[in-house]
């Protein structure tokens, strides 16, 4: 199954749910992942949700959705979910899980936060992580009841060892992994090595490409057309053959101060061989200018479609 996240469609953020389904179908894709259930129905109206499900079935498309950011320690990050729960984050998660299950979505992905939350939040990263773990454990019976899993995405703020540990602690029957290789570069992980770590639990795979380039005191990630970056897709795809593949054209160009000793001390899980592999990517890219317009992520979509679709 090869689908696309709605925001990566041309004008995707402005499309109504049914329009987005039709756009995905016209591109020859097999699925559409909504950026939230609110993207399907702003009021979470069950009738509207079911109408979109029916249109997806008519078009022969799979659908899924992002749950949102789940972080009890930083409630401002989770406000839409809190609103769905009438002021309570856990109640919001439970409501959204039930609504999603009602239209056949059993694999919503979620984030813990943003890259700065690991280093600059008023609550320690460990406390944030523990809070997420505890809340998900309380939601596990509901997930089992509905035959659903929540998938933690390998986002820029979290390491793959942390993601695997959370899945194993809460239970792989209710948690899985949404693997996004371009993001692990921001945690100084080699994408192929990271893929091997998460493969047993990976249910979704997000496709894009990236390079890293040296800059003052470190490196920065830039996005690249599929096949022109440093993500070895020929090695990664066979590691998780059953994962659903979602095209996502990312936007963030994140800097990593990899020569700052204080910053490195805050990253105890960095493996020397993977650190070296990421720096080797930057050395290979060299001093050349980044040739791709980072502000126009949809411009990379045609090449992704050519490489992925038969």
C-alpha atoms as a PDB file:
ATOM      1  CA  UNK A   1       0.000   0.000   0.000  1.00  0.00           C
ATOM      2  CA  UNK A   2       1.394   3.368  -1.043  1.00  0.00           C
ATOM      3  CA  UNK A   3      -0.515   6.443   0.071  1.00  0.00           C
ATOM      4  CA  UNK A   4       0.101  10.064   0.941  1.00  0.00           C
ATOM      5  CA  UNK A   5      -0.352  12.320   3.934  1.00  0.00           C
ATOM      6  CA  UNK A   6      -2.942  14.971   3.112  1.00  0.00           C
ATOM      7  CA  UNK A   7      -0.665  17.981   3.696  1.00  0.00           C
ATOM      8  CA  UNK A   8       1.730  16.651   1.035  1.00  0.00           C
ATOM      9  CA  UNK A   9      -0.876  16.871  -1.718  1.00  0.00           C
ATOM     10  CA  UNK A  10      -0.814  19.995  -3.909  1.00  0.00           C
ATOM     11  CA  UNK A  11      -2.845  22.547  -1.924  1.00  0.00           C
ATOM     12  CA  UNK A  12      -3.443  19.703   0.502  1.00  0.00           C
ATOM     13  CA  UNK A  13      -3.985  21.769   3.617  1.00  0.00           C
ATOM     14  CA  UNK A  14      -6.837  23.688   1.999  1.00  0.00           C
ATOM     15  CA  UNK A  15      -8.619  20.687   0.509  1.00  0.00           C
ATOM     16  CA  UNK A  16     -11.788  19.358   2.086  1.00  0.00           C
ATOM     17  CA  UNK A  17     -11.644  15.705   3.072  1.00  0.00           C
ATOM     18  CA  UNK A  18     -13.542  14.415   0.038  1.00  0.00           C
ATOM     19  CA  UNK A  19     -11.516  16.630  -2.315  1.00  0.00           C
ATOM     20  CA  UNK A  20      -8.309  15.219  -0.836  1.00  0.00           C
ATOM     21  CA  UNK A  21      -9.521  11.656  -1.342  1.00  0.00           C
ATOM     22  CA  UNK A  22     -10.286  12.417  -4.969  1.00  0.00           C
ATOM     23  CA  UNK A  23      -6.880  14.066  -5.457  1.00  0.00           C
ATOM     24  CA  UNK A  24      -5.076  11.046  -3.997  1.00  0.00           C
ATOM     25  CA  UNK A  25      -7.049   8.697  -6.225  1.00  0.00           C
ATOM     26  CA  UNK A  26      -6.279  10.766  -9.332  1.00  0.00           C
ATOM     27  CA  UNK A  27      -2.555  10.501  -8.553  1.00  0.00           C
ATOM     28  CA  UNK A  28      -2.824   6.714  -8.605  1.00  0.00           C
ATOM     29  CA  UNK A  29      -2.279   6.316  -4.860  1.00  0.00           C
ATOM     30  CA  UNK A  30      -3.896   3.673  -2.685  1.00  0.00           C
ATOM     31  CA  UNK A  31      -4.475   5.617   0.504  1.00  0.00           C
ATOM     32  CA  UNK A  32      -4.796   8.969   2.242  1.00  0.00           C
ATOM     33  CA  UNK A  33      -3.622   9.803   5.735  1.00  0.00           C
ATOM     34  CA  UNK A  34      -5.387  12.792   7.267  1.00  0.00           C
ATOM     35  CA  UNK A  35      -3.406  15.212   9.426  1.00  0.00           C
ATOM     36  CA  UNK A  36      -5.990  14.728  12.182  1.00  0.00           C
ATOM     37  CA  UNK A  37      -9.546  13.529  12.628  1.00  0.00           C
ATOM     38  CA  UNK A  38     -10.432  17.230  12.721  1.00  0.00           C
ATOM     39  CA  UNK A  39      -9.171  17.275   9.122  1.00  0.00           C
ATOM     40  CA  UNK A  40     -12.026  14.916   8.282  1.00  0.00           C
ATOM     41  CA  UNK A  41     -14.674  16.654  10.389  1.00  0.00           C
ATOM     42  CA  UNK A  42     -13.823  19.873  12.268  1.00  0.00           C
ATOM     43  CA  UNK A  43     -16.589  19.080  14.763  1.00  0.00           C
ATOM     44  CA  UNK A  44     -15.850  15.334  14.915  1.00  0.00           C
ATOM     45  CA  UNK A  45     -19.375  14.711  13.663  1.00  0.00           C
ATOM     46  CA  UNK A  46     -19.824  10.915  13.375  1.00  0.00           C
ATOM     47  CA  UNK A  47     -22.029  11.344  10.300  1.00  0.00           C
ATOM     48  CA  UNK A  48     -19.344  13.396   8.520  1.00  0.00           C
ATOM     49  CA  UNK A  49     -16.662  10.893   9.516  1.00  0.00           C
ATOM     50  CA  UNK A  50     -18.715   8.010   8.115  1.00  0.00           C
ATOM     51  CA  UNK A  51     -19.440   9.910   4.895  1.00  0.00           C
ATOM     52  CA  UNK A  52     -15.709  10.298   4.267  1.00  0.00           C
ATOM     53  CA  UNK A  53     -15.188   6.616   5.025  1.00  0.00           C
ATOM     54  CA  UNK A  54     -17.849   5.761   2.451  1.00  0.00           C
ATOM     55  CA  UNK A  55     -16.207   7.965  -0.180  1.00  0.00           C
ATOM     56  CA  UNK A  56     -12.845   6.323   0.521  1.00  0.00           C
ATOM     57  CA  UNK A  57     -14.447   2.911   0.063  1.00  0.00           C
ATOM     58  CA  UNK A  58     -16.045   4.047  -3.195  1.00  0.00           C
ATOM     59  CA  UNK A  59     -12.644   5.136  -4.483  1.00  0.00           C
ATOM     60  CA  UNK A  60     -10.909   2.010  -3.191  1.00  0.00           C
ATOM     61  CA  UNK A  61      -8.650   3.980  -0.838  1.00  0.00           C
ATOM     62  CA  UNK A  62      -7.332   3.116   2.592  1.00  0.00           C
ATOM     63  CA  UNK A  63      -7.512   5.921   5.136  1.00  0.00           C
ATOM     64  CA  UNK A  64      -5.670   6.690   8.335  1.00  0.00           C
ATOM     65  CA  UNK A  65      -5.044   9.727  10.505  1.00  0.00           C
ATOM     66  CA  UNK A  66      -2.616  11.404  12.817  1.00  0.00           C
ATOM     67  CA  UNK A  67      -3.794  11.481  16.425  1.00  0.00           C
ATOM     68  CA  UNK A  68      -1.738  14.558  17.334  1.00  0.00           C
ATOM     69  CA  UNK A  69       0.889  15.396  19.929  1.00  0.00           C
ATOM     70  CA  UNK A  70       0.439  13.393  23.122  1.00  0.00           C
ATOM     71  CA  UNK A  71       2.417  14.938  25.975  1.00  0.00           C
ATOM     72  CA  UNK A  72       0.781  15.329  29.416  1.00  0.00           C
ATOM     73  CA  UNK A  73       3.756  17.368  30.658  1.00  0.00           C
ATOM     74  CA  UNK A  74       3.342  20.009  27.925  1.00  0.00           C
ATOM     75  CA  UNK A  75      -0.429  20.371  27.550  1.00  0.00           C
ATOM     76  CA  UNK A  76      -0.169  23.327  25.168  1.00  0.00           C
ATOM     77  CA  UNK A  77       1.267  20.925  22.578  1.00  0.00           C
ATOM     78  CA  UNK A  78      -1.781  18.679  22.921  1.00  0.00           C
ATOM     79  CA  UNK A  79      -4.528  21.315  22.917  1.00  0.00           C
ATOM     80  CA  UNK A  80      -6.665  19.879  20.082  1.00  0.00           C
ATOM     81  CA  UNK A  81      -6.783  16.506  21.834  1.00  0.00           C
ATOM     82  CA  UNK A  82      -7.533  18.189  25.163  1.00  0.00           C
ATOM     83  CA  UNK A  83     -10.390  20.054  23.491  1.00  0.00           C
ATOM     84  CA  UNK A  84     -11.728  16.763  22.136  1.00  0.00           C
ATOM     85  CA  UNK A  85     -11.757  15.489  25.715  1.00  0.00           C
ATOM     86  CA  UNK A  86     -13.561  18.523  27.160  1.00  0.00           C
ATOM     87  CA  UNK A  87     -10.417  19.708  28.899  1.00  0.00           C
ATOM     88  CA  UNK A  88      -8.803  16.331  29.606  1.00  0.00           C
ATOM     89  CA  UNK A  89      -5.977  14.933  27.461  1.00  0.00           C
ATOM     90  CA  UNK A  90      -6.527  11.281  28.270  1.00  0.00           C
ATOM     91  CA  UNK A  91     -10.264  11.604  27.687  1.00  0.00           C
ATOM     92  CA  UNK A  92      -9.466  13.220  24.339  1.00  0.00           C
ATOM     93  CA  UNK A  93      -7.183  10.367  23.314  1.00  0.00           C
ATOM     94  CA  UNK A  94      -9.870   7.860  24.270  1.00  0.00           C
ATOM     95  CA  UNK A  95     -12.561   9.713  22.345  1.00  0.00           C
ATOM     96  CA  UNK A  96     -10.440  10.021  19.213  1.00  0.00           C
ATOM     97  CA  UNK A  97      -9.427   6.349  19.353  1.00  0.00           C
ATOM     98  CA  UNK A  98     -13.090   5.353  19.539  1.00  0.00           C
ATOM     99  CA  UNK A  99     -14.157   7.705  16.739  1.00  0.00           C
ATOM    100  CA  UNK A 100     -11.334   6.469  14.521  1.00  0.00           C
ATOM    101  CA  UNK A 101     -12.166   2.831  15.202  1.00  0.00           C
ATOM    102  CA  UNK A 102     -15.765   3.588  14.269  1.00  0.00           C
ATOM    103  CA  UNK A 103     -14.663   4.364  10.700  1.00  0.00           C
ATOM    104  CA  UNK A 104     -12.116   1.578  10.457  1.00  0.00           C
ATOM    105  CA  UNK A 105      -8.974   3.510  11.398  1.00  0.00           C
ATOM    106  CA  UNK A 106      -6.956   1.422  13.850  1.00  0.00           C
ATOM    107  CA  UNK A 107      -3.443   2.774  13.289  1.00  0.00           C
ATOM    108  CA  UNK A 108      -3.268   6.473  14.169  1.00  0.00           C
ATOM    109  CA  UNK A 109       0.239   7.831  14.632  1.00  0.00           C
ATOM    110  CA  UNK A 110       1.242  10.374  17.248  1.00  0.00           C
ATOM    111  CA  UNK A 111       4.170  12.561  18.285  1.00  0.00           C
ATOM    112  CA  UNK A 112       5.593  13.368  21.703  1.00  0.00           C
ATOM    113  CA  UNK A 113       6.598  16.913  20.797  1.00  0.00           C
ATOM    114  CA  UNK A 114       8.902  19.053  18.723  1.00  0.00           C
ATOM    115  CA  UNK A 115      12.683  19.060  18.459  1.00  0.00           C
ATOM    116  CA  UNK A 116      13.110  21.899  20.972  1.00  0.00           C
ATOM    117  CA  UNK A 117      11.087  20.047  23.612  1.00  0.00           C
ATOM    118  CA  UNK A 118      13.965  17.646  24.171  1.00  0.00           C
ATOM    119  CA  UNK A 119      16.312  20.454  25.212  1.00  0.00           C
ATOM    120  CA  UNK A 120      14.432  23.650  26.042  1.00  0.00           C
ATOM    121  CA  UNK A 121      11.108  22.692  27.650  1.00  0.00           C
ATOM    122  CA  UNK A 122      10.371  23.682  31.279  1.00  0.00           C
ATOM    123  CA  UNK A 123       9.876  19.967  32.037  1.00  0.00           C
ATOM    124  CA  UNK A 124      12.754  17.515  31.583  1.00  0.00           C
ATOM    125  CA  UNK A 125      12.698  15.216  28.592  1.00  0.00           C
ATOM    126  CA  UNK A 126      12.657  12.161  30.870  1.00  0.00           C
ATOM    127  CA  UNK A 127       9.630  13.492  32.756  1.00  0.00           C
ATOM    128  CA  UNK A 128       7.851  14.125  29.463  1.00  0.00           C
ATOM    129  CA  UNK A 129       8.656  10.633  28.249  1.00  0.00           C
ATOM    130  CA  UNK A 130       7.547   9.006  31.501  1.00  0.00           C
ATOM    131  CA  UNK A 131       4.253  10.911  31.435  1.00  0.00           C
ATOM    132  CA  UNK A 132       3.507   9.715  27.913  1.00  0.00           C
ATOM    133  CA  UNK A 133       4.363   6.129  28.838  1.00  0.00           C
ATOM    134  CA  UNK A 134       2.111   6.133  31.894  1.00  0.00           C
ATOM    135  CA  UNK A 135      -0.844   7.631  30.051  1.00  0.00           C
ATOM    136  CA  UNK A 136      -0.583   5.207  27.146  1.00  0.00           C
ATOM    137  CA  UNK A 137      -0.441   2.293  29.570  1.00  0.00           C
ATOM    138  CA  UNK A 138      -3.756   3.453  31.023  1.00  0.00           C
ATOM    139  CA  UNK A 139      -5.234   3.588  27.512  1.00  0.00           C
ATOM    140  CA  UNK A 140      -4.039   0.081  26.623  1.00  0.00           C
ATOM    141  CA  UNK A 141      -7.269  -1.734  27.618  1.00  0.00           C
ATOM    142  CA  UNK A 142      -9.325   0.583  25.399  1.00  0.00           C
ATOM    143  CA  UNK A 143      -6.975   0.017  22.471  1.00  0.00           C
ATOM    144  CA  UNK A 144      -7.221  -3.749  22.928  1.00  0.00           C
ATOM    145  CA  UNK A 145     -10.998  -3.506  23.098  1.00  0.00           C
ATOM    146  CA  UNK A 146     -11.111  -1.806  19.688  1.00  0.00           C
ATOM    147  CA  UNK A 147      -8.312  -3.816  18.079  1.00  0.00           C
ATOM    148  CA  UNK A 148      -6.370  -0.582  17.602  1.00  0.00           C
ATOM    149  CA  UNK A 149      -2.741   0.462  17.874  1.00  0.00           C
ATOM    150  CA  UNK A 150      -1.227   3.886  18.332  1.00  0.00           C
ATOM    151  CA  UNK A 151       1.992   4.354  16.381  1.00  0.00           C
ATOM    152  CA  UNK A 152       4.756   6.540  17.800  1.00  0.00           C
ATOM    153  CA  UNK A 153       6.485   8.375  14.974  1.00  0.00           C
ATOM    154  CA  UNK A 154      10.247   8.674  14.872  1.00  0.00           C
ATOM    155  CA  UNK A 155      10.163  12.455  15.012  1.00  0.00           C
ATOM    156  CA  UNK A 156      13.085  14.865  15.444  1.00  0.00           C
ATOM    157  CA  UNK A 157      12.881  14.949  19.249  1.00  0.00           C
ATOM    158  CA  UNK A 158      12.967  11.219  20.030  1.00  0.00           C
ATOM    159  CA  UNK A 159      15.565   8.494  19.465  1.00  0.00           C
ATOM    160  CA  UNK A 160      14.733   5.110  18.007  1.00  0.00           C
ATOM    161  CA  UNK A 161      15.968   3.278  21.156  1.00  0.00           C
ATOM    162  CA  UNK A 162      13.503   5.389  23.152  1.00  0.00           C
ATOM    163  CA  UNK A 163      10.686   4.587  20.739  1.00  0.00           C
ATOM    164  CA  UNK A 164      11.407   0.854  20.895  1.00  0.00           C
ATOM    165  CA  UNK A 165      11.599   0.962  24.699  1.00  0.00           C
ATOM    166  CA  UNK A 166       8.219   2.676  24.947  1.00  0.00           C
ATOM    167  CA  UNK A 167       6.577   0.126  22.651  1.00  0.00           C
ATOM    168  CA  UNK A 168       8.027  -2.783  24.611  1.00  0.00           C
ATOM    169  CA  UNK A 169       7.008  -1.299  27.963  1.00  0.00           C
ATOM    170  CA  UNK A 170       3.391  -0.494  27.076  1.00  0.00           C
ATOM    171  CA  UNK A 171       2.962  -3.510  24.807  1.00  0.00           C
ATOM    172  CA  UNK A 172       3.461  -4.138  21.079  1.00  0.00           C
ATOM    173  CA  UNK A 173      -0.151  -5.299  20.805  1.00  0.00           C
ATOM    174  CA  UNK A 174      -1.337  -1.718  21.421  1.00  0.00           C
ATOM    175  CA  UNK A 175       1.669   0.368  20.347  1.00  0.00           C
ATOM    176  CA  UNK A 176       3.722   0.310  17.191  1.00  0.00           C
ATOM    177  CA  UNK A 177       6.131   2.521  15.289  1.00  0.00           C
ATOM    178  CA  UNK A 178       5.670   4.931  12.400  1.00  0.00           C
ATOM    179  CA  UNK A 179       9.192   5.035  10.975  1.00  0.00           C
ATOM    180  CA  UNK A 180      10.311   8.275   9.337  1.00  0.00           C
ATOM    181  CA  UNK A 181      13.961   7.906   8.260  1.00  0.00           C
ATOM    182  CA  UNK A 182      14.678  11.550   7.406  1.00  0.00           C
ATOM    183  CA  UNK A 183      13.946  12.460  11.029  1.00  0.00           C
ATOM    184  CA  UNK A 184      16.455  10.115  12.655  1.00  0.00           C
ATOM    185  CA  UNK A 185      19.280  12.125  11.093  1.00  0.00           C
ATOM    186  CA  UNK A 186      18.387  14.858  13.594  1.00  0.00           C
ATOM    187  CA  UNK A 187      19.220  12.440  16.420  1.00  0.00           C
ATOM    188  CA  UNK A 188      22.495  11.512  14.696  1.00  0.00           C
ATOM    189  CA  UNK A 189      21.250   8.058  13.775  1.00  0.00           C
ATOM    190  CA  UNK A 190      22.050   6.226  10.570  1.00  0.00           C
ATOM    191  CA  UNK A 191      18.699   5.627   8.818  1.00  0.00           C
ATOM    192  CA  UNK A 192      19.451   2.002   7.909  1.00  0.00           C
ATOM    193  CA  UNK A 193      20.674   1.112  11.407  1.00  0.00           C
ATOM    194  CA  UNK A 194      17.614   2.845  12.849  1.00  0.00           C
ATOM    195  CA  UNK A 195      15.376   0.884  10.480  1.00  0.00           C
ATOM    196  CA  UNK A 196      16.833  -2.379  11.749  1.00  0.00           C
ATOM    197  CA  UNK A 197      16.077  -1.338  15.343  1.00  0.00           C
ATOM    198  CA  UNK A 198      12.454  -0.439  14.723  1.00  0.00           C
ATOM    199  CA  UNK A 199      11.612  -3.050  12.073  1.00  0.00           C
ATOM    200  CA  UNK A 200       9.931  -5.574  14.425  1.00  0.00           C
ATOM    201  CA  UNK A 201       7.357  -2.952  15.435  1.00  0.00           C
ATOM    202  CA  UNK A 202       7.109  -0.768  12.316  1.00  0.00           C
ATOM    203  CA  UNK A 203       3.567  -0.525  10.934  1.00  0.00           C
ATOM    204  CA  UNK A 204       4.012   2.624   8.843  1.00  0.00           C
ATOM    205  CA  UNK A 205       6.915   3.951   6.782  1.00  0.00           C
ATOM    206  CA  UNK A 206       7.154   7.618   5.736  1.00  0.00           C
ATOM    207  CA  UNK A 207       8.974   8.303   2.486  1.00  0.00           C
ATOM    208  CA  UNK A 208      11.047  11.396   1.736  1.00  0.00           C
ATOM    209  CA  UNK A 209      14.758  12.084   1.344  1.00  0.00           C
ATOM    210  CA  UNK A 210      17.335  14.382   2.891  1.00  0.00           C
ATOM    211  CA  UNK A 211      20.947  15.486   2.956  1.00  0.00           C
ATOM    212  CA  UNK A 212      23.053  16.911   5.758  1.00  0.00           C
ATOM    213  CA  UNK A 213      25.463  19.782   5.258  1.00  0.00           C
ATOM    214  CA  UNK A 214      28.156  21.250   7.476  1.00  0.00           C
ATOM    215  CA  UNK A 215      27.529  24.697   8.898  1.00  0.00           C
ATOM    216  CA  UNK A 216      29.063  26.686  11.741  1.00  0.00           C
ATOM    217  CA  UNK A 217      29.428  24.449  14.821  1.00  0.00           C
ATOM    218  CA  UNK A 218      27.514  21.574  13.304  1.00  0.00           C
ATOM    219  CA  UNK A 219      25.347  20.229  10.534  1.00  0.00           C
ATOM    220  CA  UNK A 220      21.887  20.970   9.176  1.00  0.00           C
ATOM    221  CA  UNK A 221      19.333  18.681   7.570  1.00  0.00           C
ATOM    222  CA  UNK A 222      17.881  19.725   4.231  1.00  0.00           C
ATOM    223  CA  UNK A 223      15.154  17.902   2.327  1.00  0.00           C
ATOM    224  CA  UNK A 224      15.860  16.417  -1.092  1.00  0.00           C
ATOM    225  CA  UNK A 225      13.901  14.789  -3.925  1.00  0.00           C
ATOM    226  CA  UNK A 226      13.507  11.053  -3.425  1.00  0.00           C
ATOM    227  CA  UNK A 227      16.631   9.279  -4.622  1.00  0.00           C
ATOM    228  CA  UNK A 228      18.860  12.361  -4.468  1.00  0.00           C
ATOM    229  CA  UNK A 229      19.481  12.351  -0.722  1.00  0.00           C
ATOM    230  CA  UNK A 230      21.287  10.076   1.699  1.00  0.00           C
ATOM    231  CA  UNK A 231      18.426   7.813   2.808  1.00  0.00           C
ATOM    232  CA  UNK A 232      19.162   4.325   1.461  1.00  0.00           C
ATOM    233  CA  UNK A 233      15.660   3.285   0.497  1.00  0.00           C
ATOM    234  CA  UNK A 234      16.881   0.165  -1.301  1.00  0.00           C
ATOM    235  CA  UNK A 235      18.151  -1.085   2.063  1.00  0.00           C
ATOM    236  CA  UNK A 236      15.248   0.150   4.215  1.00  0.00           C
ATOM    237  CA  UNK A 237      12.179  -0.999   2.278  1.00  0.00           C
ATOM    238  CA  UNK A 238      12.988  -4.743   2.457  1.00  0.00           C
ATOM    239  CA  UNK A 239      13.401  -4.493   6.250  1.00  0.00           C
ATOM    240  CA  UNK A 240       9.693  -3.771   6.778  1.00  0.00           C
ATOM    241  CA  UNK A 241       7.797  -5.300   3.846  1.00  0.00           C
ATOM    242  CA  UNK A 242       4.432  -5.252   5.634  1.00  0.00           C
ATOM    243  CA  UNK A 243       4.534  -1.585   6.667  1.00  0.00           C
ATOM    244  CA  UNK A 244       2.124   0.780   4.960  1.00  0.00           C
ATOM    245  CA  UNK A 245       4.072   3.341   2.944  1.00  0.00           C
ATOM    246  CA  UNK A 246       3.047   6.992   3.218  1.00  0.00           C
ATOM    247  CA  UNK A 247       4.583   9.777   1.148  1.00  0.00           C
ATOM    248  CA  UNK A 248       5.323  12.818   3.297  1.00  0.00           C
ATOM    249  CA  UNK A 249       7.089  15.848   1.899  1.00  0.00           C
ATOM    250  CA  UNK A 250       8.717  17.369   4.988  1.00  0.00           C
ATOM    251  CA  UNK A 251       9.539  21.034   5.515  1.00  0.00           C
ATOM    252  CA  UNK A 252      11.921  21.492   8.462  1.00  0.00           C
ATOM    253  CA  UNK A 253      15.625  22.230   8.030  1.00  0.00           C
ATOM    254  CA  UNK A 254      16.978  21.413  11.472  1.00  0.00           C
ATOM    255  CA  UNK A 255      20.413  22.333  12.799  1.00  0.00           C
ATOM    256  CA  UNK A 256      22.401  20.017  15.062  1.00  0.00           C
ATOM    257  CA  UNK A 257      25.378  21.569  16.922  1.00  0.00           C
ATOM    258  CA  UNK A 258      27.356  18.339  16.730  1.00  0.00           C
ATOM    259  CA  UNK A 259      30.648  19.931  17.819  1.00  0.00           C
ATOM    260  CA  UNK A 260      29.164  21.460  20.984  1.00  0.00           C
ATOM    261  CA  UNK A 261      30.303  19.330  23.927  1.00  0.00           C
ATOM    262  CA  UNK A 262      27.389  20.422  26.141  1.00  0.00           C
ATOM    263  CA  UNK A 263      24.874  19.443  23.463  1.00  0.00           C
ATOM    264  CA  UNK A 264      26.556  16.086  22.952  1.00  0.00           C
ATOM    265  CA  UNK A 265      26.435  15.347  26.690  1.00  0.00           C
ATOM    266  CA  UNK A 266      22.651  15.637  26.467  1.00  0.00           C
ATOM    267  CA  UNK A 267      22.621  12.799  23.896  1.00  0.00           C
ATOM    268  CA  UNK A 268      23.874   9.753  25.808  1.00  0.00           C
ATOM    269  CA  UNK A 269      22.452   7.303  23.266  1.00  0.00           C
ATOM    270  CA  UNK A 270      24.455   8.577  20.294  1.00  0.00           C
ATOM    271  CA  UNK A 271      26.437   5.640  18.887  1.00  0.00           C
ATOM    272  CA  UNK A 272      29.918   6.540  17.671  1.00  0.00           C
ATOM    273  CA  UNK A 273      29.637   4.551  14.438  1.00  0.00           C
ATOM    274  CA  UNK A 274      26.313   6.189  13.531  1.00  0.00           C
ATOM    275  CA  UNK A 275      27.578   9.643  14.499  1.00  0.00           C
ATOM    276  CA  UNK A 276      30.477   9.010  12.129  1.00  0.00           C
ATOM    277  CA  UNK A 277      28.097   7.828   9.387  1.00  0.00           C
ATOM    278  CA  UNK A 278      26.033  11.017   9.587  1.00  0.00           C
ATOM    279  CA  UNK A 279      29.151  13.204   9.529  1.00  0.00           C
ATOM    280  CA  UNK A 280      30.368  11.221   6.516  1.00  0.00           C
ATOM    281  CA  UNK A 281      27.146  12.188   4.738  1.00  0.00           C
ATOM    282  CA  UNK A 282      27.882  15.848   5.418  1.00  0.00           C
ATOM    283  CA  UNK A 283      31.445  15.415   4.203  1.00  0.00           C
ATOM    284  CA  UNK A 284      30.180  13.794   1.016  1.00  0.00           C
ATOM    285  CA  UNK A 285      27.761  16.653   0.357  1.00  0.00           C
ATOM    286  CA  UNK A 286      30.593  19.109   0.923  1.00  0.00           C
ATOM    287  CA  UNK A 287      30.322  22.863   0.476  1.00  0.00           C
ATOM    288  CA  UNK A 288      27.919  22.830  -2.467  1.00  0.00           C
ATOM    289  CA  UNK A 289      24.785  24.910  -2.213  1.00  0.00           C
ATOM    290  CA  UNK A 290      21.518  23.120  -1.521  1.00  0.00           C
ATOM    291  CA  UNK A 291      19.882  23.086  -4.975  1.00  0.00           C
ATOM    292  CA  UNK A 292      16.298  22.374  -3.904  1.00  0.00           C
ATOM    293  CA  UNK A 293      13.778  24.990  -2.818  1.00  0.00           C
ATOM    294  CA  UNK A 294      13.112  24.095   0.818  1.00  0.00           C
ATOM    295  CA  UNK A 295       9.977  26.244   0.924  1.00  0.00           C
ATOM    296  CA  UNK A 296       8.283  24.311  -1.895  1.00  0.00           C
ATOM    297  CA  UNK A 297       7.984  20.806  -0.541  1.00  0.00           C
ATOM    298  CA  UNK A 298       5.250  19.776  -2.989  1.00  0.00           C
ATOM    299  CA  UNK A 299       7.762  20.340  -5.806  1.00  0.00           C
ATOM    300  CA  UNK A 300       9.415  17.084  -4.691  1.00  0.00           C
ATOM    301  CA  UNK A 301       6.187  15.088  -5.021  1.00  0.00           C
ATOM    302  CA  UNK A 302       6.312  14.240  -8.767  1.00  0.00           C
ATOM    303  CA  UNK A 303       9.708  12.569  -8.397  1.00  0.00           C
ATOM    304  CA  UNK A 304       8.490  10.562  -5.394  1.00  0.00           C
ATOM    305  CA  UNK A 305       5.474   9.371  -7.371  1.00  0.00           C
ATOM    306  CA  UNK A 306       7.630   8.371 -10.342  1.00  0.00           C
ATOM    307  CA  UNK A 307       9.941   6.329  -8.148  1.00  0.00           C
ATOM    308  CA  UNK A 308       7.287   4.647  -6.021  1.00  0.00           C
ATOM    309  CA  UNK A 309       4.359   3.943  -8.319  1.00  0.00           C
ATOM    310  CA  UNK A 310       4.403   1.296 -11.059  1.00  0.00           C
END
